[in-house]
Amino acid sequence: MITTTHAILNSALLGHKEKPTHYWPVIIGAVLPDVPMFLYFGFYLLNHSHIRVAPGYMNEYHFRQLWVDWGHSIPLALGLALISFLARFKSGIYFSLSLFLHSLEDLPVHSDFAHRHFLPFSNFRYFSPISYWDPHHHGNVVAPIEWMIVLISIAILWRRGLSPLVQVFLLFIGIFQGLFLVYYFGGIHW
């Protein structure tokens, strides 16, 4: 799934109108597993320009092995949820449940870049027959479904009475994802 989808969907699933402070741990937990790939992309761009910021051995494989797959570990997220529950740390519970949901949401839609969701117990990768972006793996069907999930989640969040600034931001994300779908799958390249 697209990173913003994780944040919006997890906020709709775990957020509460009565407890708006729980949204931040949910959003951070939804986004954090994908942050290493954004960092890798930044390092990649810088290293393919005139600036060298990462050592030569730090390639995509190393980022995936060290950071991305561990960030998508279901046992790690559940262990953190258990520790947070035992310590009665509510923000930790929401954060770790959002990490857990992120991994569950990715599991069925990663056809090429499957994560090792069961670290440290297994190196197994589930290569799904469907993809959230690749048309060769039904991405042209899955992506619009994901966008509909985003729109439904935004409607749920709006009904919770979020601030106008947050509502505008959610609307921007919904419109941006829709325009991306038109651009990528609709063949309309402006």
N, C-alpha and C. Protein backbone atom coordinates (compact mmCIF):
# COMPACT_ATOMS: atom_id res chain seq x y z
N MET A 1 0.83 -1.19 0.00
CA MET A 1 0.00 0.00 0.00
C MET A 1 0.88 1.25 0.00
N ILE A 2 0.29 2.32 -0.44
CA ILE A 2 0.97 3.60 -0.39
C ILE A 2 1.04 4.05 1.07
N THR A 3 2.13 4.67 1.45
CA THR A 3 2.36 5.05 2.85
C THR A 3 1.23 5.90 3.41
N THR A 4 0.74 6.84 2.63
CA THR A 4 -0.35 7.69 3.12
C THR A 4 -1.62 6.87 3.37
N THR A 5 -1.83 5.82 2.59
CA THR A 5 -2.98 4.95 2.82
C THR A 5 -2.89 4.30 4.19
N HIS A 6 -1.70 3.83 4.54
CA HIS A 6 -1.52 3.23 5.87
C HIS A 6 -1.91 4.22 6.96
N ALA A 7 -1.43 5.45 6.85
CA ALA A 7 -1.69 6.46 7.89
C ALA A 7 -3.18 6.76 8.00
N ILE A 8 -3.85 6.92 6.88
CA ILE A 8 -5.27 7.28 6.90
C ILE A 8 -6.12 6.10 7.35
N LEU A 9 -5.87 4.92 6.80
CA LEU A 9 -6.65 3.74 7.17
C LEU A 9 -6.45 3.38 8.64
N ASN A 10 -5.21 3.39 9.12
CA ASN A 10 -4.96 3.06 10.52
C ASN A 10 -5.57 4.09 11.46
N SER A 11 -5.57 5.35 11.04
CA SER A 11 -6.23 6.39 11.85
C SER A 11 -7.73 6.14 11.94
N ALA A 12 -8.33 5.73 10.83
CA ALA A 12 -9.76 5.43 10.85
C ALA A 12 -10.06 4.20 11.70
N LEU A 13 -9.16 3.21 11.67
CA LEU A 13 -9.39 1.97 12.42
C LEU A 13 -9.08 2.12 13.91
N LEU A 14 -8.03 2.85 14.26
CA LEU A 14 -7.58 2.90 15.65
C LEU A 14 -7.87 4.21 16.36
N GLY A 15 -8.15 5.26 15.61
CA GLY A 15 -8.36 6.57 16.22
C GLY A 15 -9.70 6.67 16.93
N HIS A 16 -9.78 7.64 17.84
CA HIS A 16 -11.01 7.88 18.60
C HIS A 16 -11.31 9.36 18.61
N LYS A 17 -12.58 9.68 18.48
CA LYS A 17 -12.99 11.08 18.55
C LYS A 17 -12.72 11.64 19.95
N GLU A 18 -12.92 10.80 20.96
CA GLU A 18 -12.75 11.25 22.34
C GLU A 18 -11.28 11.37 22.74
N LYS A 19 -10.39 10.68 22.05
CA LYS A 19 -8.97 10.67 22.40
C LYS A 19 -8.12 11.10 21.20
N PRO A 20 -8.15 12.38 20.84
CA PRO A 20 -7.40 12.82 19.66
C PRO A 20 -5.88 12.68 19.81
N THR A 21 -5.38 12.56 21.04
CA THR A 21 -3.93 12.40 21.22
C THR A 21 -3.45 11.03 20.74
N HIS A 22 -4.36 10.09 20.55
CA HIS A 22 -3.96 8.76 20.08
C HIS A 22 -3.66 8.72 18.58
N TYR A 23 -4.04 9.77 17.87
CA TYR A 23 -3.79 9.79 16.43
C TYR A 23 -2.29 9.84 16.11
N TRP A 24 -1.52 10.59 16.88
CA TRP A 24 -0.09 10.71 16.56
C TRP A 24 0.64 9.37 16.65
N PRO A 25 0.48 8.58 17.72
CA PRO A 25 1.16 7.28 17.74
C PRO A 25 0.68 6.37 16.60
N VAL A 26 -0.59 6.46 16.25
CA VAL A 26 -1.12 5.66 15.15
C VAL A 26 -0.47 6.07 13.83
N ILE A 27 -0.40 7.36 13.57
CA ILE A 27 0.18 7.85 12.32
C ILE A 27 1.67 7.51 12.24
N ILE A 28 2.39 7.72 13.34
CA ILE A 28 3.83 7.40 13.34
C ILE A 28 4.04 5.90 13.13
N GLY A 29 3.25 5.08 13.80
CA GLY A 29 3.36 3.62 13.61
C GLY A 29 2.99 3.18 12.21
N ALA A 30 2.09 3.91 11.56
CA ALA A 30 1.69 3.56 10.19
C ALA A 30 2.74 3.94 9.17
N VAL A 31 3.49 5.00 9.43
CA VAL A 31 4.46 5.53 8.46
C VAL A 31 5.87 4.98 8.68
N LEU A 32 6.22 4.74 9.93
CA LEU A 32 7.60 4.37 10.28
C LEU A 32 8.18 3.19 9.49
N PRO A 33 7.44 2.11 9.25
CA PRO A 33 8.06 1.00 8.50
C PRO A 33 8.54 1.37 7.10
N ASP A 34 7.95 2.40 6.49
CA ASP A 34 8.35 2.80 5.13
C ASP A 34 9.43 3.87 5.10
N VAL A 35 9.73 4.49 6.22
CA VAL A 35 10.72 5.57 6.27
C VAL A 35 12.09 5.12 5.74
N PRO A 36 12.58 3.91 6.08
CA PRO A 36 13.90 3.52 5.55
C PRO A 36 13.98 3.51 4.02
N MET A 37 12.88 3.18 3.35
CA MET A 37 12.92 3.19 1.88
C MET A 37 12.99 4.61 1.34
N PHE A 38 12.35 5.55 2.03
CA PHE A 38 12.49 6.95 1.63
C PHE A 38 13.92 7.42 1.84
N LEU A 39 14.53 7.02 2.94
CA LEU A 39 15.93 7.37 3.19
C LEU A 39 16.84 6.75 2.14
N TYR A 40 16.57 5.48 1.81
CA TYR A 40 17.38 4.83 0.77
C TYR A 40 17.25 5.58 -0.55
N PHE A 41 16.03 5.97 -0.89
CA PHE A 41 15.81 6.70 -2.13
C PHE A 41 16.60 8.00 -2.13
N GLY A 42 16.60 8.70 -0.99
CA GLY A 42 17.39 9.94 -0.88
C GLY A 42 18.87 9.68 -1.04
N PHE A 43 19.38 8.63 -0.36
CA PHE A 43 20.80 8.27 -0.49
C PHE A 43 21.12 7.89 -1.94
N TYR A 44 20.20 7.17 -2.57
CA TYR A 44 20.41 6.75 -3.96
C TYR A 44 20.54 7.98 -4.86
N LEU A 45 19.62 8.94 -4.69
CA LEU A 45 19.68 10.15 -5.53
C LEU A 45 20.96 10.92 -5.29
N LEU A 46 21.35 11.07 -4.03
CA LEU A 46 22.57 11.82 -3.73
C LEU A 46 23.81 11.09 -4.24
N ASN A 47 23.84 9.78 -4.09
CA ASN A 47 25.02 9.01 -4.53
C ASN A 47 25.13 8.92 -6.03
N HIS A 48 24.06 9.18 -6.74
CA HIS A 48 24.12 9.17 -8.20
C HIS A 48 24.22 10.59 -8.75
N SER A 49 24.51 11.50 -7.86
CA SER A 49 24.85 12.86 -8.29
C SER A 49 26.33 13.04 -7.96
N HIS A 50 26.74 14.22 -7.68
CA HIS A 50 28.16 14.47 -7.39
C HIS A 50 28.47 14.35 -5.90
N ILE A 51 27.47 14.04 -5.10
CA ILE A 51 27.66 13.96 -3.65
C ILE A 51 27.62 12.50 -3.23
N ARG A 52 28.54 12.10 -2.39
CA ARG A 52 28.55 10.73 -1.84
C ARG A 52 28.23 10.82 -0.36
N VAL A 53 27.08 10.25 0.06
CA VAL A 53 26.70 10.32 1.47
C VAL A 53 26.65 8.95 2.13
N ALA A 54 26.61 7.89 1.36
CA ALA A 54 26.55 6.55 1.93
C ALA A 54 27.68 5.71 1.35
N PRO A 55 28.21 4.80 2.15
CA PRO A 55 29.27 3.93 1.63
C PRO A 55 28.75 3.07 0.48
N GLY A 56 29.65 2.63 -0.37
CA GLY A 56 29.29 1.86 -1.55
C GLY A 56 28.55 0.57 -1.25
N TYR A 57 28.82 -0.05 -0.11
CA TYR A 57 28.17 -1.32 0.21
C TYR A 57 26.73 -1.13 0.69
N MET A 58 26.33 0.10 0.97
CA MET A 58 24.99 0.35 1.48
C MET A 58 24.01 0.45 0.32
N ASN A 59 23.63 -0.70 -0.22
CA ASN A 59 22.71 -0.73 -1.35
C ASN A 59 21.29 -1.07 -0.86
N GLU A 60 20.38 -1.24 -1.80
CA GLU A 60 18.99 -1.51 -1.42
C GLU A 60 18.88 -2.79 -0.60
N TYR A 61 19.67 -3.81 -0.93
CA TYR A 61 19.63 -5.07 -0.18
C TYR A 61 19.94 -4.83 1.30
N HIS A 62 20.96 -4.04 1.58
CA HIS A 62 21.34 -3.78 2.96
C HIS A 62 20.26 -2.97 3.69
N PHE A 63 19.67 -2.01 3.02
CA PHE A 63 18.58 -1.26 3.64
C PHE A 63 17.43 -2.19 3.96
N ARG A 64 17.08 -3.08 3.03
CA ARG A 64 15.98 -4.01 3.27
C ARG A 64 16.31 -4.95 4.41
N GLN A 65 17.51 -5.50 4.40
CA GLN A 65 17.90 -6.45 5.45
C GLN A 65 17.94 -5.79 6.82
N LEU A 66 18.51 -4.60 6.90
CA LEU A 66 18.73 -3.96 8.19
C LEU A 66 17.52 -3.23 8.73
N TRP A 67 16.77 -2.56 7.86
CA TRP A 67 15.75 -1.65 8.35
C TRP A 67 14.35 -1.97 7.89
N VAL A 68 14.15 -2.14 6.61
CA VAL A 68 12.80 -2.25 6.08
C VAL A 68 12.10 -3.51 6.58
N ASP A 69 12.75 -4.66 6.46
CA ASP A 69 12.10 -5.90 6.87
C ASP A 69 11.86 -5.95 8.38
N TRP A 70 12.78 -5.42 9.17
CA TRP A 70 12.56 -5.39 10.62
C TRP A 70 11.41 -4.45 10.96
N GLY A 71 11.24 -3.39 10.22
CA GLY A 71 10.12 -2.47 10.45
C GLY A 71 8.78 -3.09 10.11
N HIS A 72 8.79 -4.15 9.32
CA HIS A 72 7.55 -4.83 8.93
C HIS A 72 7.37 -6.16 9.67
N SER A 73 8.11 -6.37 10.75
CA SER A 73 8.05 -7.62 11.50
C SER A 73 6.78 -7.68 12.36
N ILE A 74 5.92 -8.64 12.06
CA ILE A 74 4.68 -8.83 12.83
C ILE A 74 4.99 -9.26 14.26
N PRO A 75 5.89 -10.24 14.49
CA PRO A 75 6.20 -10.60 15.88
C PRO A 75 6.77 -9.43 16.69
N LEU A 76 7.60 -8.61 16.06
CA LEU A 76 8.17 -7.46 16.76
C LEU A 76 7.07 -6.47 17.16
N ALA A 77 6.14 -6.20 16.26
CA ALA A 77 5.03 -5.28 16.55
C ALA A 77 4.14 -5.84 17.66
N LEU A 78 3.83 -7.14 17.59
CA LEU A 78 2.99 -7.74 18.63
C LEU A 78 3.71 -7.79 19.98
N GLY A 79 5.01 -8.06 19.97
CA GLY A 79 5.79 -8.05 21.20
C GLY A 79 5.80 -6.66 21.83
N LEU A 80 5.96 -5.65 21.01
CA LEU A 80 5.93 -4.28 21.50
C LEU A 80 4.55 -3.92 22.05
N ALA A 81 3.49 -4.41 21.40
CA ALA A 81 2.13 -4.18 21.89
C ALA A 81 1.94 -4.84 23.25
N LEU A 82 2.45 -6.05 23.42
CA LEU A 82 2.33 -6.75 24.69
C LEU A 82 3.08 -6.01 25.81
N ILE A 83 4.31 -5.60 25.52
CA ILE A 83 5.09 -4.85 26.51
C ILE A 83 4.38 -3.55 26.87
N SER A 84 3.84 -2.85 25.87
CA SER A 84 3.13 -1.59 26.12
C SER A 84 1.87 -1.83 26.94
N PHE A 85 1.18 -2.93 26.66
CA PHE A 85 -0.02 -3.28 27.42
C PHE A 85 0.33 -3.58 28.88
N LEU A 86 1.37 -4.37 29.08
CA LEU A 86 1.78 -4.72 30.44
C LEU A 86 2.25 -3.49 31.22
N ALA A 87 2.88 -2.55 30.51
CA ALA A 87 3.35 -1.32 31.15
C ALA A 87 2.25 -0.25 31.22
N ARG A 88 1.07 -0.56 30.68
CA ARG A 88 -0.07 0.37 30.65
C ARG A 88 0.29 1.68 29.93
N PHE A 89 1.04 1.52 28.85
CA PHE A 89 1.49 2.66 28.05
C PHE A 89 0.61 2.74 26.81
N LYS A 90 -0.47 3.54 26.91
CA LYS A 90 -1.48 3.59 25.84
C LYS A 90 -0.92 4.02 24.49
N SER A 91 -0.07 5.05 24.49
CA SER A 91 0.51 5.51 23.21
C SER A 91 1.33 4.39 22.57
N GLY A 92 2.05 3.61 23.36
CA GLY A 92 2.82 2.49 22.85
C GLY A 92 1.93 1.41 22.26
N ILE A 93 0.77 1.20 22.88
CA ILE A 93 -0.18 0.22 22.35
C ILE A 93 -0.67 0.65 20.98
N TYR A 94 -1.09 1.91 20.86
CA TYR A 94 -1.60 2.41 19.58
C TYR A 94 -0.50 2.41 18.51
N PHE A 95 0.70 2.80 18.91
CA PHE A 95 1.84 2.79 17.99
C PHE A 95 2.12 1.38 17.46
N SER A 96 2.23 0.42 18.37
CA SER A 96 2.58 -0.95 17.95
C SER A 96 1.43 -1.62 17.19
N LEU A 97 0.18 -1.33 17.56
CA LEU A 97 -0.93 -1.88 16.78
C LEU A 97 -0.95 -1.30 15.37
N SER A 98 -0.56 -0.05 15.23
CA SER A 98 -0.47 0.55 13.90
C SER A 98 0.66 -0.08 13.08
N LEU A 99 1.79 -0.37 13.74
CA LEU A 99 2.87 -1.11 13.07
C LEU A 99 2.36 -2.47 12.57
N PHE A 100 1.63 -3.15 13.45
CA PHE A 100 1.07 -4.46 13.13
C PHE A 100 0.12 -4.37 11.93
N LEU A 101 -0.80 -3.39 11.98
CA LEU A 101 -1.73 -3.22 10.87
C LEU A 101 -1.01 -2.89 9.56
N HIS A 102 0.03 -2.07 9.62
CA HIS A 102 0.81 -1.74 8.43
C HIS A 102 1.30 -3.03 7.76
N SER A 103 1.86 -3.93 8.55
CA SER A 103 2.37 -5.19 8.00
C SER A 103 1.25 -6.05 7.43
N LEU A 104 0.13 -6.13 8.14
CA LEU A 104 -1.01 -6.90 7.63
C LEU A 104 -1.54 -6.32 6.32
N GLU A 105 -1.55 -5.00 6.23
CA GLU A 105 -2.05 -4.34 5.02
C GLU A 105 -1.11 -4.55 3.84
N ASP A 106 0.18 -4.64 4.10
CA ASP A 106 1.16 -4.86 3.03
C ASP A 106 1.20 -6.31 2.56
N LEU A 107 0.96 -7.22 3.45
CA LEU A 107 1.13 -8.65 3.15
C LEU A 107 0.43 -9.10 1.87
N PRO A 108 -0.84 -8.76 1.65
CA PRO A 108 -1.50 -9.28 0.45
C PRO A 108 -1.24 -8.50 -0.84
N VAL A 109 -0.50 -7.37 -0.79
CA VAL A 109 -0.37 -6.56 -2.00
C VAL A 109 1.07 -6.29 -2.42
N HIS A 110 2.00 -7.09 -1.94
CA HIS A 110 3.40 -6.94 -2.36
C HIS A 110 3.79 -8.16 -3.20
N SER A 111 3.80 -7.96 -4.50
CA SER A 111 4.12 -9.06 -5.41
C SER A 111 5.61 -9.18 -5.67
N ASP A 112 6.31 -8.06 -5.78
CA ASP A 112 7.73 -8.09 -6.09
C ASP A 112 8.61 -7.80 -4.88
N PHE A 113 8.23 -6.84 -4.10
CA PHE A 113 9.07 -6.39 -2.98
C PHE A 113 8.49 -6.88 -1.66
N ALA A 114 8.38 -8.19 -1.54
CA ALA A 114 7.81 -8.79 -0.32
C ALA A 114 8.76 -8.60 0.85
N HIS A 115 8.17 -8.36 2.01
CA HIS A 115 8.95 -8.19 3.23
C HIS A 115 9.05 -9.52 3.98
N ARG A 116 10.01 -9.60 4.88
CA ARG A 116 10.12 -10.77 5.77
C ARG A 116 9.29 -10.44 7.02
N HIS A 117 7.99 -10.66 6.93
CA HIS A 117 7.05 -10.25 7.96
C HIS A 117 7.17 -11.04 9.26
N PHE A 118 7.90 -12.12 9.27
CA PHE A 118 7.93 -12.97 10.45
C PHE A 118 9.29 -13.02 11.14
N LEU A 119 10.11 -11.98 10.89
CA LEU A 119 11.38 -11.87 11.59
C LEU A 119 11.12 -11.74 13.09
N PRO A 120 11.91 -12.25 13.95
CA PRO A 120 13.16 -12.98 13.78
C PRO A 120 12.97 -14.49 13.67
N PHE A 121 11.71 -14.94 13.59
CA PHE A 121 11.44 -16.38 13.61
C PHE A 121 11.58 -17.04 12.24
N SER A 122 11.44 -16.26 11.19
CA SER A 122 11.50 -16.83 9.84
C SER A 122 11.94 -15.77 8.84
N ASN A 123 12.65 -16.21 7.81
CA ASN A 123 13.03 -15.33 6.71
C ASN A 123 12.06 -15.44 5.54
N PHE A 124 10.95 -16.12 5.75
CA PHE A 124 9.95 -16.33 4.71
C PHE A 124 9.41 -15.00 4.18
N ARG A 125 9.29 -14.94 2.86
CA ARG A 125 8.67 -13.80 2.18
C ARG A 125 7.46 -14.31 1.40
N TYR A 126 6.33 -13.67 1.59
CA TYR A 126 5.14 -14.02 0.83
C TYR A 126 5.06 -13.11 -0.38
N PHE A 127 5.25 -13.69 -1.56
CA PHE A 127 5.14 -12.94 -2.81
C PHE A 127 3.71 -13.10 -3.31
N SER A 128 2.92 -12.08 -3.09
CA SER A 128 1.50 -12.11 -3.41
C SER A 128 1.28 -12.11 -4.93
N PRO A 129 0.20 -12.73 -5.38
CA PRO A 129 -0.12 -12.66 -6.81
C PRO A 129 -0.69 -11.30 -7.23
N ILE A 130 -0.99 -10.44 -6.25
CA ILE A 130 -1.52 -9.11 -6.58
C ILE A 130 -0.58 -8.03 -6.05
N SER A 131 -0.66 -6.87 -6.68
CA SER A 131 0.21 -5.76 -6.31
C SER A 131 -0.63 -4.49 -6.16
N TYR A 132 -0.17 -3.60 -5.31
CA TYR A 132 -0.88 -2.33 -5.14
C TYR A 132 -0.52 -1.33 -6.23
N TRP A 133 0.47 -1.64 -7.10
CA TRP A 133 0.87 -0.67 -8.11
C TRP A 133 1.19 -1.28 -9.47
N ASP A 134 1.59 -2.54 -9.53
CA ASP A 134 2.09 -3.15 -10.76
C ASP A 134 0.93 -3.70 -11.61
N PRO A 135 0.70 -3.15 -12.80
CA PRO A 135 -0.39 -3.64 -13.65
C PRO A 135 -0.22 -5.10 -14.06
N HIS A 136 1.01 -5.61 -14.06
CA HIS A 136 1.24 -7.02 -14.39
C HIS A 136 0.74 -7.95 -13.29
N HIS A 137 0.46 -7.38 -12.13
CA HIS A 137 -0.06 -8.15 -10.99
C HIS A 137 -1.35 -7.51 -10.49
N HIS A 138 -2.18 -7.07 -11.42
CA HIS A 138 -3.51 -6.54 -11.14
C HIS A 138 -3.50 -5.20 -10.39
N GLY A 139 -2.41 -4.47 -10.47
CA GLY A 139 -2.34 -3.16 -9.82
C GLY A 139 -3.37 -2.18 -10.34
N ASN A 140 -3.75 -2.33 -11.62
CA ASN A 140 -4.76 -1.44 -12.20
C ASN A 140 -6.14 -1.68 -11.59
N VAL A 141 -6.33 -2.81 -10.89
CA VAL A 141 -7.58 -3.08 -10.18
C VAL A 141 -7.41 -2.76 -8.69
N VAL A 142 -6.28 -3.15 -8.13
CA VAL A 142 -6.04 -2.98 -6.69
C VAL A 142 -5.88 -1.51 -6.32
N ALA A 143 -5.19 -0.73 -7.13
CA ALA A 143 -4.95 0.69 -6.80
C ALA A 143 -6.25 1.48 -6.68
N PRO A 144 -7.21 1.34 -7.59
CA PRO A 144 -8.48 2.05 -7.38
C PRO A 144 -9.24 1.58 -6.14
N ILE A 145 -9.13 0.29 -5.81
CA ILE A 145 -9.76 -0.22 -4.58
C ILE A 145 -9.09 0.44 -3.37
N GLU A 146 -7.76 0.53 -3.41
CA GLU A 146 -7.04 1.21 -2.32
C GLU A 146 -7.49 2.65 -2.20
N TRP A 147 -7.68 3.32 -3.33
CA TRP A 147 -8.11 4.71 -3.31
C TRP A 147 -9.52 4.83 -2.70
N MET A 148 -10.39 3.88 -3.02
CA MET A 148 -11.73 3.88 -2.43
C MET A 148 -11.65 3.69 -0.91
N ILE A 149 -10.72 2.84 -0.46
CA ILE A 149 -10.51 2.65 0.98
C ILE A 149 -10.06 3.96 1.61
N VAL A 150 -9.18 4.68 0.92
CA VAL A 150 -8.72 5.98 1.41
C VAL A 150 -9.90 6.95 1.52
N LEU A 151 -10.73 7.02 0.51
CA LEU A 151 -11.86 7.96 0.53
C LEU A 151 -12.85 7.60 1.64
N ILE A 152 -13.13 6.32 1.83
CA ILE A 152 -14.02 5.89 2.90
C ILE A 152 -13.41 6.23 4.26
N SER A 153 -12.12 5.98 4.41
CA SER A 153 -11.43 6.29 5.67
C SER A 153 -11.44 7.80 5.94
N ILE A 154 -11.25 8.60 4.90
CA ILE A 154 -11.31 10.06 5.06
C ILE A 154 -12.71 10.48 5.52
N ALA A 155 -13.74 9.88 4.93
CA ALA A 155 -15.12 10.21 5.34
C ALA A 155 -15.34 9.84 6.81
N ILE A 156 -14.82 8.71 7.24
CA ILE A 156 -14.94 8.29 8.65
C ILE A 156 -14.23 9.31 9.54
N LEU A 157 -13.04 9.71 9.14
CA LEU A 157 -12.27 10.66 9.95
C LEU A 157 -12.94 12.03 9.99
N TRP A 158 -13.52 12.47 8.88
CA TRP A 158 -14.22 13.75 8.85
C TRP A 158 -15.39 13.76 9.83
N ARG A 159 -16.09 12.64 9.91
CA ARG A 159 -17.25 12.55 10.80
C ARG A 159 -16.85 12.62 12.27
N ARG A 160 -15.58 12.42 12.54
CA ARG A 160 -15.10 12.51 13.93
C ARG A 160 -14.82 13.94 14.35
N GLY A 161 -15.03 14.88 13.47
CA GLY A 161 -14.89 16.29 13.83
C GLY A 161 -13.45 16.75 13.98
N LEU A 162 -12.60 16.32 13.08
CA LEU A 162 -11.21 16.78 13.12
C LEU A 162 -11.14 18.26 12.75
N SER A 163 -10.05 18.89 13.07
CA SER A 163 -9.89 20.32 12.79
C SER A 163 -9.94 20.57 11.27
N PRO A 164 -10.36 21.76 10.87
CA PRO A 164 -10.42 22.08 9.44
C PRO A 164 -9.07 21.91 8.72
N LEU A 165 -7.98 22.22 9.40
CA LEU A 165 -6.66 22.06 8.79
C LEU A 165 -6.38 20.59 8.46
N VAL A 166 -6.72 19.70 9.39
CA VAL A 166 -6.52 18.26 9.17
C VAL A 166 -7.45 17.79 8.05
N GLN A 167 -8.68 18.29 8.02
CA GLN A 167 -9.61 17.91 6.97
C GLN A 167 -9.10 18.32 5.59
N VAL A 168 -8.55 19.51 5.49
CA VAL A 168 -7.98 19.97 4.21
C VAL A 168 -6.81 19.09 3.81
N PHE A 169 -5.96 18.73 4.78
CA PHE A 169 -4.82 17.86 4.50
C PHE A 169 -5.29 16.49 4.00
N LEU A 170 -6.30 15.91 4.65
CA LEU A 170 -6.84 14.62 4.21
C LEU A 170 -7.43 14.73 2.80
N LEU A 171 -8.14 15.82 2.54
CA LEU A 171 -8.70 16.04 1.21
C LEU A 171 -7.59 16.12 0.17
N PHE A 172 -6.52 16.82 0.49
CA PHE A 172 -5.37 16.92 -0.41
C PHE A 172 -4.81 15.52 -0.73
N ILE A 173 -4.66 14.69 0.29
CA ILE A 173 -4.13 13.33 0.07
C ILE A 173 -5.08 12.54 -0.82
N GLY A 174 -6.37 12.61 -0.55
CA GLY A 174 -7.34 11.89 -1.37
C GLY A 174 -7.31 12.33 -2.83
N ILE A 175 -7.26 13.64 -3.05
CA ILE A 175 -7.20 14.17 -4.42
C ILE A 175 -5.88 13.77 -5.08
N PHE A 176 -4.78 13.87 -4.35
CA PHE A 176 -3.46 13.53 -4.90
C PHE A 176 -3.41 12.07 -5.34
N GLN A 177 -3.92 11.17 -4.49
CA GLN A 177 -3.91 9.76 -4.88
C GLN A 177 -4.80 9.51 -6.09
N GLY A 178 -5.92 10.20 -6.17
CA GLY A 178 -6.79 10.05 -7.33
C GLY A 178 -6.12 10.54 -8.61
N LEU A 179 -5.45 11.69 -8.52
CA LEU A 179 -4.74 12.21 -9.69
C LEU A 179 -3.60 11.28 -10.10
N PHE A 180 -2.92 10.70 -9.11
CA PHE A 180 -1.86 9.74 -9.42
C PHE A 180 -2.42 8.54 -10.17
N LEU A 181 -3.59 8.05 -9.76
CA LEU A 181 -4.22 6.91 -10.45
C LEU A 181 -4.55 7.27 -11.90
N VAL A 182 -5.09 8.46 -12.09
CA VAL A 182 -5.42 8.90 -13.46
C VAL A 182 -4.14 8.98 -14.28
N TYR A 183 -3.09 9.54 -13.69
CA TYR A 183 -1.82 9.68 -14.40
C TYR A 183 -1.20 8.32 -14.71
N TYR A 184 -1.11 7.46 -13.70
CA TYR A 184 -0.37 6.20 -13.86
C TYR A 184 -1.12 5.16 -14.65
N PHE A 185 -2.41 4.99 -14.34
CA PHE A 185 -3.19 3.94 -14.99
C PHE A 185 -4.08 4.42 -16.12
N GLY A 186 -4.44 5.70 -16.10
CA GLY A 186 -5.36 6.20 -17.11
C GLY A 186 -4.68 6.64 -18.40
N GLY A 187 -3.37 6.71 -18.40
CA GLY A 187 -2.65 7.11 -19.60
C GLY A 187 -2.74 8.59 -19.90
N ILE A 188 -3.24 9.38 -18.93
CA ILE A 188 -3.32 10.80 -19.12
C ILE A 188 -2.07 11.41 -18.49
N HIS A 189 -1.10 11.75 -19.31
CA HIS A 189 0.17 12.27 -18.82
C HIS A 189 0.26 13.74 -19.22
N TRP A 190 0.01 14.61 -18.27
CA TRP A 190 0.04 16.05 -18.55
C TRP A 190 1.40 16.61 -18.30
